[in-house]
Amino acid sequence: MAIEVRIPTILRQYTDGAKAVPGSGDTVAALFADLESRHPGIRARLVDADKGDELRRFVNVYLNDEDVRFLDGINTKLNDGDSVTILPAVAGGMA
């Protein structure tokens, strides 16, 4: 199963600078495990092990432009040819 995973700039240190990497897995959780096997350290930046491996609060993951939090979270099913985009949440502005 081939899935394209788009990596934000802040996490490219784990992918040797690659903007996108291939991945595989039948769920987002399995995809993250696959990414971890080839890019050690990346999974810890995406999920919080202390909270049952749920997505970190300031990490957004999109499956084909749909936020996985509104689907099944890390248990969201994936299909061959899907595109997953990882985006850090942006906060700030003028007070």
PDB file of N, CA and C in Angstrom:
ATOM      1  N   MET A   1       0.852  -1.175   0.000  1.00  0.00           N
ATOM      2  CA  MET A   1       0.000   0.000   0.000  1.00  0.00           C
ATOM      3  C   MET A   1       0.895   1.235   0.000  1.00  0.00           C
ATOM      4  N   ALA A   2       0.702   2.113  -0.959  1.00  0.00           N
ATOM      5  CA  ALA A   2       1.509   3.325  -1.054  1.00  0.00           C
ATOM      6  C   ALA A   2       0.687   4.535  -0.617  1.00  0.00           C
ATOM      7  N   ILE A   3       1.217   5.244   0.354  1.00  0.00           N
ATOM      8  CA  ILE A   3       0.582   6.452   0.878  1.00  0.00           C
ATOM      9  C   ILE A   3       1.636   7.547   0.884  1.00  0.00           C
ATOM     10  N   GLU A   4       1.293   8.708   0.355  1.00  0.00           N
ATOM     11  CA  GLU A   4       2.211   9.838   0.400  1.00  0.00           C
ATOM     12  C   GLU A   4       1.975  10.601   1.697  1.00  0.00           C
ATOM     13  N   VAL A   5       3.057  10.858   2.421  1.00  0.00           N
ATOM     14  CA  VAL A   5       2.971  11.596   3.679  1.00  0.00           C
ATOM     15  C   VAL A   5       3.741  12.906   3.502  1.00  0.00           C
ATOM     16  N   ARG A   6       3.035  14.006   3.614  1.00  0.00           N
ATOM     17  CA  ARG A   6       3.663  15.332   3.504  1.00  0.00           C
ATOM     18  C   ARG A   6       4.143  15.754   4.890  1.00  0.00           C
ATOM     19  N   ILE A   7       5.403  16.138   4.948  1.00  0.00           N
ATOM     20  CA  ILE A   7       6.070  16.435   6.209  1.00  0.00           C
ATOM     21  C   ILE A   7       6.275  17.942   6.356  1.00  0.00           C
ATOM     22  N   PRO A   8       5.889  18.526   7.497  1.00  0.00           N
ATOM     23  CA  PRO A   8       6.118  19.969   7.698  1.00  0.00           C
ATOM     24  C   PRO A   8       7.601  20.242   7.946  1.00  0.00           C
ATOM     25  N   THR A   9       8.001  21.452   7.690  1.00  0.00           N
ATOM     26  CA  THR A   9       9.404  21.848   7.837  1.00  0.00           C
ATOM     27  C   THR A   9       9.985  21.463   9.193  1.00  0.00           C
ATOM     28  N   ILE A  10       9.235  21.656  10.252  1.00  0.00           N
ATOM     29  CA  ILE A  10       9.738  21.412  11.600  1.00  0.00           C
ATOM     30  C   ILE A  10      10.069  19.933  11.849  1.00  0.00           C
ATOM     31  N   LEU A  11       9.472  19.019  11.086  1.00  0.00           N
ATOM     32  CA  LEU A  11       9.733  17.591  11.273  1.00  0.00           C
ATOM     33  C   LEU A  11      10.670  17.001  10.214  1.00  0.00           C
ATOM     34  N   ARG A  12      11.124  17.813   9.285  1.00  0.00           N
ATOM     35  CA  ARG A  12      11.986  17.301   8.209  1.00  0.00           C
ATOM     36  C   ARG A  12      13.362  16.873   8.692  1.00  0.00           C
ATOM     37  N   GLN A  13      13.721  17.262   9.913  1.00  0.00           N
ATOM     38  CA  GLN A  13      14.985  16.779  10.472  1.00  0.00           C
ATOM     39  C   GLN A  13      14.955  15.260  10.623  1.00  0.00           C
ATOM     40  N   TYR A  14      13.766  14.681  10.745  1.00  0.00           N
ATOM     41  CA  TYR A  14      13.614  13.229  10.881  1.00  0.00           C
ATOM     42  C   TYR A  14      13.581  12.518   9.530  1.00  0.00           C
ATOM     43  N   THR A  15      13.311  13.262   8.461  1.00  0.00           N
ATOM     44  CA  THR A  15      13.195  12.667   7.131  1.00  0.00           C
ATOM     45  C   THR A  15      14.322  13.106   6.210  1.00  0.00           C
ATOM     46  N   ASP A  16      15.438  13.505   6.791  1.00  0.00           N
ATOM     47  CA  ASP A  16      16.598  13.966   6.021  1.00  0.00           C
ATOM     48  C   ASP A  16      16.231  15.089   5.053  1.00  0.00           C
ATOM     49  N   GLY A  17      15.317  15.944   5.481  1.00  0.00           N
ATOM     50  CA  GLY A  17      14.935  17.104   4.699  1.00  0.00           C
ATOM     51  C   GLY A  17      13.834  16.872   3.679  1.00  0.00           C
ATOM     52  N   ALA A  18      13.347  15.636   3.565  1.00  0.00           N
ATOM     53  CA  ALA A  18      12.317  15.334   2.567  1.00  0.00           C
ATOM     54  C   ALA A  18      10.996  16.009   2.909  1.00  0.00           C
ATOM     55  N   LYS A  19      10.382  16.631   1.896  1.00  0.00           N
ATOM     56  CA  LYS A  19       9.086  17.279   2.066  1.00  0.00           C
ATOM     57  C   LYS A  19       7.949  16.269   2.084  1.00  0.00           C
ATOM     58  N   ALA A  20       8.158  15.138   1.445  1.00  0.00           N
ATOM     59  CA  ALA A  20       7.159  14.067   1.402  1.00  0.00           C
ATOM     60  C   ALA A  20       7.893  12.736   1.409  1.00  0.00           C
ATOM     61  N   VAL A  21       7.313  11.766   2.078  1.00  0.00           N
ATOM     62  CA  VAL A  21       7.899  10.424   2.149  1.00  0.00           C
ATOM     63  C   VAL A  21       6.796   9.401   1.899  1.00  0.00           C
ATOM     64  N   PRO A  22       7.156   8.237   1.385  1.00  0.00           N
ATOM     65  CA  PRO A  22       6.161   7.187   1.234  1.00  0.00           C
ATOM     66  C   PRO A  22       5.923   6.492   2.562  1.00  0.00           C
ATOM     67  N   GLY A  23       4.741   5.964   2.723  1.00  0.00           N
ATOM     68  CA  GLY A  23       4.420   5.224   3.933  1.00  0.00           C
ATOM     69  C   GLY A  23       3.431   4.133   3.618  1.00  0.00           C
ATOM     70  N   SER A  24       3.195   3.285   4.608  1.00  0.00           N
ATOM     71  CA  SER A  24       2.204   2.235   4.431  1.00  0.00           C
ATOM     72  C   SER A  24       1.534   1.946   5.759  1.00  0.00           C
ATOM     73  N   GLY A  25       0.359   1.369   5.683  1.00  0.00           N
ATOM     74  CA  GLY A  25      -0.404   1.022   6.872  1.00  0.00           C
ATOM     75  C   GLY A  25      -1.881   1.094   6.571  1.00  0.00           C
ATOM     76  N   ASP A  26      -2.662   0.298   7.286  1.00  0.00           N
ATOM     77  CA  ASP A  26      -4.102   0.308   7.037  1.00  0.00           C
ATOM     78  C   ASP A  26      -4.844   1.323   7.896  1.00  0.00           C
ATOM     79  N   THR A  27      -4.139   1.932   8.866  1.00  0.00           N
ATOM     80  CA  THR A  27      -4.696   3.010   9.684  1.00  0.00           C
ATOM     81  C   THR A  27      -3.630   4.086   9.860  1.00  0.00           C
ATOM     82  N   VAL A  28      -4.036   5.235  10.366  1.00  0.00           N
ATOM     83  CA  VAL A  28      -3.072   6.299  10.649  1.00  0.00           C
ATOM     84  C   VAL A  28      -2.059   5.819  11.692  1.00  0.00           C
ATOM     85  N   ALA A  29      -2.516   5.077  12.694  1.00  0.00           N
ATOM     86  CA  ALA A  29      -1.606   4.550  13.724  1.00  0.00           C
ATOM     87  C   ALA A  29      -0.558   3.632  13.099  1.00  0.00           C
ATOM     88  N   ALA A  30      -0.977   2.751  12.192  1.00  0.00           N
ATOM     89  CA  ALA A  30      -0.037   1.846  11.519  1.00  0.00           C
ATOM     90  C   ALA A  30       0.915   2.634  10.627  1.00  0.00           C
ATOM     91  N   LEU A  31       0.414   3.686   9.999  1.00  0.00           N
ATOM     92  CA  LEU A  31       1.262   4.551   9.184  1.00  0.00           C
ATOM     93  C   LEU A  31       2.340   5.202  10.040  1.00  0.00           C
ATOM     94  N   PHE A  32       1.964   5.700  11.211  1.00  0.00           N
ATOM     95  CA  PHE A  32       2.941   6.322  12.106  1.00  0.00           C
ATOM     96  C   PHE A  32       3.995   5.308  12.551  1.00  0.00           C
ATOM     97  N   ALA A  33       3.589   4.071  12.807  1.00  0.00           N
ATOM     98  CA  ALA A  33       4.547   3.021  13.182  1.00  0.00           C
ATOM     99  C   ALA A  33       5.498   2.750  12.025  1.00  0.00           C
ATOM    100  N   ASP A  34       4.973   2.729  10.802  1.00  0.00           N
ATOM    101  CA  ASP A  34       5.811   2.537   9.625  1.00  0.00           C
ATOM    102  C   ASP A  34       6.800   3.687   9.472  1.00  0.00           C
ATOM    103  N   LEU A  35       6.331   4.914   9.653  1.00  0.00           N
ATOM    104  CA  LEU A  35       7.225   6.075   9.567  1.00  0.00           C
ATOM    105  C   LEU A  35       8.324   5.989  10.620  1.00  0.00           C
ATOM    106  N   GLU A  36       7.962   5.587  11.824  1.00  0.00           N
ATOM    107  CA  GLU A  36       8.936   5.469  12.913  1.00  0.00           C
ATOM    108  C   GLU A  36      10.019   4.448  12.574  1.00  0.00           C
ATOM    109  N   SER A  37       9.659   3.378  11.883  1.00  0.00           N
ATOM    110  CA  SER A  37      10.643   2.344  11.545  1.00  0.00           C
ATOM    111  C   SER A  37      11.700   2.858  10.572  1.00  0.00           C
ATOM    112  N   ARG A  38      11.354   3.842   9.766  1.00  0.00           N
ATOM    113  CA  ARG A  38      12.302   4.401   8.796  1.00  0.00           C
ATOM    114  C   ARG A  38      12.826   5.780   9.178  1.00  0.00           C
ATOM    115  N   HIS A  39      12.117   6.460  10.077  1.00  0.00           N
ATOM    116  CA  HIS A  39      12.494   7.818  10.494  1.00  0.00           C
ATOM    117  C   HIS A  39      12.375   7.906  12.013  1.00  0.00           C
ATOM    118  N   PRO A  40      13.317   7.277  12.727  1.00  0.00           N
ATOM    119  CA  PRO A  40      13.232   7.214  14.196  1.00  0.00           C
ATOM    120  C   PRO A  40      13.055   8.589  14.850  1.00  0.00           C
ATOM    121  N   GLY A  41      12.125   8.633  15.801  1.00  0.00           N
ATOM    122  CA  GLY A  41      11.873   9.853  16.555  1.00  0.00           C
ATOM    123  C   GLY A  41      10.660  10.626  16.092  1.00  0.00           C
ATOM    124  N   ILE A  42      10.186  10.363  14.884  1.00  0.00           N
ATOM    125  CA  ILE A  42       9.082  11.166  14.348  1.00  0.00           C
ATOM    126  C   ILE A  42       7.756  10.863  15.052  1.00  0.00           C
ATOM    127  N   ARG A  43       7.524   9.607  15.395  1.00  0.00           N
ATOM    128  CA  ARG A  43       6.248   9.221  16.007  1.00  0.00           C
ATOM    129  C   ARG A  43       6.002   9.953  17.326  1.00  0.00           C
ATOM    130  N   ALA A  44       7.052  10.119  18.130  1.00  0.00           N
ATOM    131  CA  ALA A  44       6.916  10.795  19.424  1.00  0.00           C
ATOM    132  C   ALA A  44       6.494  12.252  19.255  1.00  0.00           C
ATOM    133  N   ARG A  45       6.765  12.819  18.102  1.00  0.00           N
ATOM    134  CA  ARG A  45       6.363  14.204  17.833  1.00  0.00           C
ATOM    135  C   ARG A  45       4.910  14.303  17.379  1.00  0.00           C
ATOM    136  N   LEU A  46       4.319  13.152  17.034  1.00  0.00           N
ATOM    137  CA  LEU A  46       2.964  13.142  16.497  1.00  0.00           C
ATOM    138  C   LEU A  46       1.915  12.680  17.501  1.00  0.00           C
ATOM    139  N   VAL A  47       2.270  11.695  18.323  1.00  0.00           N
ATOM    140  CA  VAL A  47       1.309  11.149  19.283  1.00  0.00           C
ATOM    141  C   VAL A  47       1.851  11.243  20.702  1.00  0.00           C
ATOM    142  N   ASP A  48       0.941  11.297  21.642  1.00  0.00           N
ATOM    143  CA  ASP A  48       1.291  11.393  23.054  1.00  0.00           C
ATOM    144  C   ASP A  48       1.087  10.033  23.705  1.00  0.00           C
ATOM    145  N   ALA A  49       2.167   9.323  23.990  1.00  0.00           N
ATOM    146  CA  ALA A  49       2.102   7.981  24.583  1.00  0.00           C
ATOM    147  C   ALA A  49       1.461   8.016  25.962  1.00  0.00           C
ATOM    148  N   ASP A  50       1.595   9.127  26.668  1.00  0.00           N
ATOM    149  CA  ASP A  50       1.007   9.255  28.005  1.00  0.00           C
ATOM    150  C   ASP A  50      -0.515   9.378  27.969  1.00  0.00           C
ATOM    151  N   LYS A  51      -1.054   9.661  26.800  1.00  0.00           N
ATOM    152  CA  LYS A  51      -2.508   9.814  26.656  1.00  0.00           C
ATOM    153  C   LYS A  51      -3.078   8.755  25.717  1.00  0.00           C
ATOM    154  N   GLY A  52      -2.535   7.562  25.797  1.00  0.00           N
ATOM    155  CA  GLY A  52      -3.065   6.465  25.001  1.00  0.00           C
ATOM    156  C   GLY A  52      -2.797   6.583  23.515  1.00  0.00           C
ATOM    157  N   ASP A  53      -1.680   7.197  23.173  1.00  0.00           N
ATOM    158  CA  ASP A  53      -1.286   7.360  21.770  1.00  0.00           C
ATOM    159  C   ASP A  53      -2.263   8.197  20.945  1.00  0.00           C
ATOM    160  N   GLU A  54      -2.912   9.166  21.584  1.00  0.00           N
ATOM    161  CA  GLU A  54      -3.750  10.068  20.800  1.00  0.00           C
ATOM    162  C   GLU A  54      -2.871  11.142  20.175  1.00  0.00           C
ATOM    163  N   LEU A  55      -3.392  11.790  19.149  1.00  0.00           N
ATOM    164  CA  LEU A  55      -2.640  12.859  18.492  1.00  0.00           C
ATOM    165  C   LEU A  55      -2.283  13.945  19.489  1.00  0.00           C
ATOM    166  N   ARG A  56      -1.073  14.456  19.353  1.00  0.00           N
ATOM    167  CA  ARG A  56      -0.688  15.583  20.202  1.00  0.00           C
ATOM    168  C   ARG A  56      -1.610  16.765  19.908  1.00  0.00           C
ATOM    169  N   ARG A  57      -1.817  17.557  20.914  1.00  0.00           N
ATOM    170  CA  ARG A  57      -2.758  18.668  20.831  1.00  0.00           C
ATOM    171  C   ARG A  57      -2.445  19.644  19.699  1.00  0.00           C
ATOM    172  N   PHE A  58      -1.183  19.896  19.457  1.00  0.00           N
ATOM    173  CA  PHE A  58      -0.810  20.903  18.466  1.00  0.00           C
ATOM    174  C   PHE A  58      -0.326  20.299  17.156  1.00  0.00           C
ATOM    175  N   VAL A  59      -0.788  19.095  16.860  1.00  0.00           N
ATOM    176  CA  VAL A  59      -0.483  18.447  15.586  1.00  0.00           C
ATOM    177  C   VAL A  59      -1.799  18.145  14.872  1.00  0.00           C
ATOM    178  N   ASN A  60      -1.886  18.592  13.644  1.00  0.00           N
ATOM    179  CA  ASN A  60      -3.063  18.311  12.820  1.00  0.00           C
ATOM    180  C   ASN A  60      -2.658  17.330  11.727  1.00  0.00           C
ATOM    181  N   VAL A  61      -3.494  16.333  11.509  1.00  0.00           N
ATOM    182  CA  VAL A  61      -3.232  15.334  10.476  1.00  0.00           C
ATOM    183  C   VAL A  61      -4.447  15.297   9.562  1.00  0.00           C
ATOM    184  N   TYR A  62      -4.190  15.414   8.267  1.00  0.00           N
ATOM    185  CA  TYR A  62      -5.256  15.426   7.275  1.00  0.00           C
ATOM    186  C   TYR A  62      -5.112  14.227   6.348  1.00  0.00           C
ATOM    187  N   LEU A  63      -6.216  13.542   6.131  1.00  0.00           N
ATOM    188  CA  LEU A  63      -6.287  12.454   5.170  1.00  0.00           C
ATOM    189  C   LEU A  63      -7.072  12.969   3.979  1.00  0.00           C
ATOM    190  N   ASN A  64      -6.383  13.135   2.863  1.00  0.00           N
ATOM    191  CA  ASN A  64      -7.043  13.665   1.655  1.00  0.00           C
ATOM    192  C   ASN A  64      -7.854  14.918   1.984  1.00  0.00           C
ATOM    193  N   ASP A  65      -7.258  15.835   2.720  1.00  0.00           N
ATOM    194  CA  ASP A  65      -7.840  17.132   3.086  1.00  0.00           C
ATOM    195  C   ASP A  65      -8.926  17.069   4.162  1.00  0.00           C
ATOM    196  N   GLU A  66      -9.124  15.908   4.799  1.00  0.00           N
ATOM    197  CA  GLU A  66     -10.079  15.774   5.903  1.00  0.00           C
ATOM    198  C   GLU A  66      -9.305  15.612   7.203  1.00  0.00           C
ATOM    199  N   ASP A  67      -9.629  16.415   8.197  1.00  0.00           N
ATOM    200  CA  ASP A  67      -8.974  16.332   9.505  1.00  0.00           C
ATOM    201  C   ASP A  67      -9.336  14.993  10.155  1.00  0.00           C
ATOM    202  N   VAL A  68      -8.325  14.176  10.488  1.00  0.00           N
ATOM    203  CA  VAL A  68      -8.602  12.853  11.050  1.00  0.00           C
ATOM    204  C   VAL A  68      -9.277  12.928  12.411  1.00  0.00           C
ATOM    205  N   ARG A  69      -9.181  14.063  13.101  1.00  0.00           N
ATOM    206  CA  ARG A  69      -9.883  14.202  14.384  1.00  0.00           C
ATOM    207  C   ARG A  69     -11.403  14.120  14.204  1.00  0.00           C
ATOM    208  N   PHE A  70     -11.875  14.470  13.012  1.00  0.00           N
ATOM    209  CA  PHE A  70     -13.307  14.411  12.731  1.00  0.00           C
ATOM    210  C   PHE A  70     -13.690  13.093  12.059  1.00  0.00           C
ATOM    211  N   LEU A  71     -12.716  12.227  11.877  1.00  0.00           N
ATOM    212  CA  LEU A  71     -12.960  10.889  11.351  1.00  0.00           C
ATOM    213  C   LEU A  71     -12.822   9.933  12.539  1.00  0.00           C
ATOM    214  N   ASP A  72     -11.804   9.073  12.532  1.00  0.00           N
ATOM    215  CA  ASP A  72     -11.578   8.141  13.644  1.00  0.00           C
ATOM    216  C   ASP A  72     -10.231   8.367  14.320  1.00  0.00           C
ATOM    217  N   GLY A  73      -9.714   9.599  14.245  1.00  0.00           N
ATOM    218  CA  GLY A  73      -8.424   9.883  14.869  1.00  0.00           C
ATOM    219  C   GLY A  73      -7.337   8.989  14.298  1.00  0.00           C
ATOM    220  N   ILE A  74      -6.454   8.480  15.174  1.00  0.00           N
ATOM    221  CA  ILE A  74      -5.358   7.647  14.667  1.00  0.00           C
ATOM    222  C   ILE A  74      -5.847   6.274  14.209  1.00  0.00           C
ATOM    223  N   ASN A  75      -7.098   5.956  14.469  1.00  0.00           N
ATOM    224  CA  ASN A  75      -7.679   4.698  13.983  1.00  0.00           C
ATOM    225  C   ASN A  75      -8.352   4.856  12.622  1.00  0.00           C
ATOM    226  N   THR A  76      -8.229   6.021  12.018  1.00  0.00           N
ATOM    227  CA  THR A  76      -8.799   6.273  10.704  1.00  0.00           C
ATOM    228  C   THR A  76      -8.193   5.308   9.689  1.00  0.00           C
ATOM    229  N   LYS A  77      -9.045   4.676   8.905  1.00  0.00           N
ATOM    230  CA  LYS A  77      -8.607   3.723   7.880  1.00  0.00           C
ATOM    231  C   LYS A  77      -7.967   4.452   6.701  1.00  0.00           C
ATOM    232  N   LEU A  78      -6.938   3.814   6.128  1.00  0.00           N
ATOM    233  CA  LEU A  78      -6.238   4.348   4.968  1.00  0.00           C
ATOM    234  C   LEU A  78      -6.384   3.393   3.792  1.00  0.00           C
ATOM    235  N   ASN A  79      -6.267   3.942   2.586  1.00  0.00           N
ATOM    236  CA  ASN A  79      -6.323   3.161   1.360  1.00  0.00           C
ATOM    237  C   ASN A  79      -5.126   3.480   0.480  1.00  0.00           C
ATOM    238  N   ASP A  80      -4.801   2.564  -0.384  1.00  0.00           N
ATOM    239  CA  ASP A  80      -3.716   2.762  -1.331  1.00  0.00           C
ATOM    240  C   ASP A  80      -3.960   4.046  -2.125  1.00  0.00           C
ATOM    241  N   GLY A  81      -2.936   4.867  -2.235  1.00  0.00           N
ATOM    242  CA  GLY A  81      -3.040   6.118  -2.974  1.00  0.00           C
ATOM    243  C   GLY A  81      -3.480   7.310  -2.153  1.00  0.00           C
ATOM    244  N   ASP A  82      -3.792   7.100  -0.879  1.00  0.00           N
ATOM    245  CA  ASP A  82      -4.176   8.220  -0.016  1.00  0.00           C
ATOM    246  C   ASP A  82      -3.009   9.179   0.179  1.00  0.00           C
ATOM    247  N   SER A  83      -3.347  10.389   0.549  1.00  0.00           N
ATOM    248  CA  SER A  83      -2.360  11.408   0.879  1.00  0.00           C
ATOM    249  C   SER A  83      -2.610  11.864   2.313  1.00  0.00           C
ATOM    250  N   VAL A  84      -1.576  11.826   3.125  1.00  0.00           N
ATOM    251  CA  VAL A  84      -1.659  12.266   4.517  1.00  0.00           C
ATOM    252  C   VAL A  84      -0.761  13.480   4.682  1.00  0.00           C
ATOM    253  N   THR A  85      -1.310  14.531   5.235  1.00  0.00           N
ATOM    254  CA  THR A  85      -0.548  15.759   5.476  1.00  0.00           C
ATOM    255  C   THR A  85      -0.471  16.000   6.969  1.00  0.00           C
ATOM    256  N   ILE A  86       0.735  16.212   7.457  1.00  0.00           N
ATOM    257  CA  ILE A  86       0.953  16.524   8.872  1.00  0.00           C
ATOM    258  C   ILE A  86       1.260  18.007   8.967  1.00  0.00           C
ATOM    259  N   LEU A  87       0.494  18.707   9.802  1.00  0.00           N
ATOM    260  CA  LEU A  87       0.688  20.148   9.964  1.00  0.00           C
ATOM    261  C   LEU A  87       0.731  20.497  11.448  1.00  0.00           C
ATOM    262  N   PRO A  88       1.727  21.265  11.861  1.00  0.00           N
ATOM    263  CA  PRO A  88       1.707  21.753  13.228  1.00  0.00           C
ATOM    264  C   PRO A  88       0.665  22.852  13.348  1.00  0.00           C
ATOM    265  N   ALA A  89      -0.025  22.902  14.465  1.00  0.00           N
ATOM    266  CA  ALA A  89      -0.986  23.978  14.686  1.00  0.00           C
ATOM    267  C   ALA A  89      -0.209  25.279  14.860  1.00  0.00           C
ATOM    268  N   VAL A  90      -0.776  26.344  14.345  1.00  0.00           N
ATOM    269  CA  VAL A  90      -0.123  27.651  14.432  1.00  0.00           C
ATOM    270  C   VAL A  90      -0.923  28.517  15.393  1.00  0.00           C
ATOM    271  N   ALA A  91      -0.223  29.113  16.322  1.00  0.00           N
ATOM    272  CA  ALA A  91      -0.872  29.989  17.289  1.00  0.00           C
ATOM    273  C   ALA A  91      -0.099  31.289  17.358  1.00  0.00           C
ATOM    274  N   GLY A  92      -0.721  32.269  17.906  1.00  0.00           N
ATOM    275  CA  GLY A  92      -0.031  33.538  18.082  1.00  0.00           C
ATOM    276  C   GLY A  92      -0.807  34.679  17.483  1.00  0.00           C
ATOM    277  N   GLY A  93      -0.129  35.753  17.317  1.00  0.00           N
ATOM    278  CA  GLY A  93      -0.770  36.948  16.800  1.00  0.00           C
ATOM    279  C   GLY A  93      -0.584  38.085  17.774  1.00  0.00           C
ATOM    280  N   MET A  94      -1.217  39.167  17.484  1.00  0.00           N
ATOM    281  CA  MET A  94      -1.093  40.344  18.332  1.00  0.00           C
ATOM    282  C   MET A  94      -2.155  40.300  19.424  1.00  0.00           C
ATOM    283  N   ALA A  95      -1.760  40.712  20.582  1.00  0.00           N
ATOM    284  CA  ALA A  95      -2.698  40.747  21.708  1.00  0.00           C
ATOM    285  C   ALA A  95      -3.347  42.101  21.813  1.00  0.00           C
TER     286      ALA A  95
END
